[in-house]
Amino acid sequence: MASLARRAERDGDDYMINRTKIWTTHAHWSNKIFCLVRTAPGTKRQQGISFLCFDLNVPCIGPIPSLA
């Protein structure tokens, strides 16, 4: 987890995530997704990591089928 590159920055009451999540098992059957993000850049690599929960029933978040 220390090399976690995905960051989340506060935007009012929301967070803006700077990268996509590439792979999640059974995402197409889910209505929520959990994601580890770095919320305190500049701290030790093992610190500043948050566990966020996202609702997949919003237009900007959702599963995209694999092309493989």
C-alpha atoms as a PDB file:
ATOM      1  CA  MET A   1       0.000   0.000   0.000  1.00  0.00           C
ATOM      2  CA  ALA A   2       2.924   2.353   0.512  1.00  0.00           C
ATOM      3  CA  SER A   3       3.263   2.812  -3.264  1.00  0.00           C
ATOM      4  CA  LEU A   4      -0.408   3.806  -3.659  1.00  0.00           C
ATOM      5  CA  ALA A   5      -0.613   6.444  -6.416  1.00  0.00           C
ATOM      6  CA  ARG A   6      -4.376   7.118  -6.537  1.00  0.00           C
ATOM      7  CA  ARG A   7      -5.111  10.422  -4.759  1.00  0.00           C
ATOM      8  CA  ALA A   8      -8.326  11.987  -3.506  1.00  0.00           C
ATOM      9  CA  GLU A   9      -8.617  15.735  -2.956  1.00  0.00           C
ATOM     10  CA  ARG A  10     -11.441  17.469  -1.106  1.00  0.00           C
ATOM     11  CA  ASP A  11     -13.860  19.448  -3.271  1.00  0.00           C
ATOM     12  CA  GLY A  12     -16.435  20.852  -0.853  1.00  0.00           C
ATOM     13  CA  ASP A  13     -18.327  17.874   0.579  1.00  0.00           C
ATOM     14  CA  ASP A  14     -16.956  15.535  -2.107  1.00  0.00           C
ATOM     15  CA  TYR A  15     -13.641  14.000  -3.124  1.00  0.00           C
ATOM     16  CA  MET A  16     -12.093  14.197  -6.582  1.00  0.00           C
ATOM     17  CA  ILE A  17     -10.143  11.055  -7.521  1.00  0.00           C
ATOM     18  CA  ASN A  18      -7.169  11.487  -9.846  1.00  0.00           C
ATOM     19  CA  ARG A  19      -6.990   7.982 -11.363  1.00  0.00           C
ATOM     20  CA  THR A  20      -9.255   5.171 -12.492  1.00  0.00           C
ATOM     21  CA  LYS A  21      -9.658   1.785 -10.862  1.00  0.00           C
ATOM     22  CA  ILE A  22      -8.683  -0.767 -13.487  1.00  0.00           C
ATOM     23  CA  TRP A  23     -10.001  -4.042 -12.133  1.00  0.00           C
ATOM     24  CA  THR A  24     -12.578  -5.099  -9.528  1.00  0.00           C
ATOM     25  CA  THR A  25     -13.983  -8.606  -9.200  1.00  0.00           C
ATOM     26  CA  HIS A  26     -17.788  -8.769  -9.664  1.00  0.00           C
ATOM     27  CA  ALA A  27     -18.138  -4.986 -10.148  1.00  0.00           C
ATOM     28  CA  HIS A  28     -21.006  -5.551 -12.595  1.00  0.00           C
ATOM     29  CA  TRP A  29     -23.052  -7.111  -9.740  1.00  0.00           C
ATOM     30  CA  SER A  30     -22.280  -4.364  -7.231  1.00  0.00           C
ATOM     31  CA  ASN A  31     -24.019  -1.146  -6.275  1.00  0.00           C
ATOM     32  CA  LYS A  32     -21.111   0.165  -4.171  1.00  0.00           C
ATOM     33  CA  ILE A  33     -17.323   0.005  -4.494  1.00  0.00           C
ATOM     34  CA  PHE A  34     -14.560   0.501  -1.945  1.00  0.00           C
ATOM     35  CA  CYS A  35     -11.337   2.206  -2.920  1.00  0.00           C
ATOM     36  CA  LEU A  36      -8.066   2.976  -1.139  1.00  0.00           C
ATOM     37  CA  VAL A  37      -6.787   6.466  -1.934  1.00  0.00           C
ATOM     38  CA  ARG A  38      -4.073   8.765  -0.680  1.00  0.00           C
ATOM     39  CA  THR A  39      -5.700  11.771   1.044  1.00  0.00           C
ATOM     40  CA  ALA A  40      -2.639  13.292   2.715  1.00  0.00           C
ATOM     41  CA  PRO A  41       0.193  13.648   0.193  1.00  0.00           C
ATOM     42  CA  GLY A  42       3.516  14.610   1.686  1.00  0.00           C
ATOM     43  CA  THR A  43       3.168  12.301   4.701  1.00  0.00           C
ATOM     44  CA  LYS A  44       5.078   9.059   5.231  1.00  0.00           C
ATOM     45  CA  ARG A  45       4.245   6.441   2.595  1.00  0.00           C
ATOM     46  CA  GLN A  46       2.411   4.266   5.127  1.00  0.00           C
ATOM     47  CA  GLN A  47       0.275   7.190   6.336  1.00  0.00           C
ATOM     48  CA  GLY A  48      -2.356   9.366   4.699  1.00  0.00           C
ATOM     49  CA  ILE A  49      -4.312   6.477   3.150  1.00  0.00           C
ATOM     50  CA  SER A  50      -8.127   6.520   3.330  1.00  0.00           C
ATOM     51  CA  PHE A  51     -10.729   3.852   2.570  1.00  0.00           C
ATOM     52  CA  LEU A  52     -13.641   5.412   0.631  1.00  0.00           C
ATOM     53  CA  CYS A  53     -16.978   3.906  -0.402  1.00  0.00           C
ATOM     54  CA  PHE A  54     -18.597   4.980  -3.689  1.00  0.00           C
ATOM     55  CA  ASP A  55     -22.147   4.503  -4.957  1.00  0.00           C
ATOM     56  CA  LEU A  56     -22.088   2.983  -8.456  1.00  0.00           C
ATOM     57  CA  ASN A  57     -25.581   4.304  -9.241  1.00  0.00           C
ATOM     58  CA  VAL A  58     -24.339   7.743 -10.297  1.00  0.00           C
ATOM     59  CA  PRO A  59     -23.592   8.766 -13.911  1.00  0.00           C
ATOM     60  CA  CYS A  60     -19.834   9.392 -13.487  1.00  0.00           C
ATOM     61  CA  ILE A  61     -19.036   6.045 -11.798  1.00  0.00           C
ATOM     62  CA  GLY A  62     -19.754   2.585 -13.109  1.00  0.00           C
ATOM     63  CA  PRO A  63     -18.292  -0.649 -14.397  1.00  0.00           C
ATOM     64  CA  ILE A  64     -16.971  -0.858 -17.947  1.00  0.00           C
ATOM     65  CA  PRO A  65     -16.650  -4.398 -19.365  1.00  0.00           C
ATOM     66  CA  SER A  66     -13.155  -5.698 -20.030  1.00  0.00           C
ATOM     67  CA  LEU A  67     -12.082  -5.896 -23.663  1.00  0.00           C
ATOM     68  CA  ALA A  68     -10.096  -9.080 -23.022  1.00  0.00           C
END
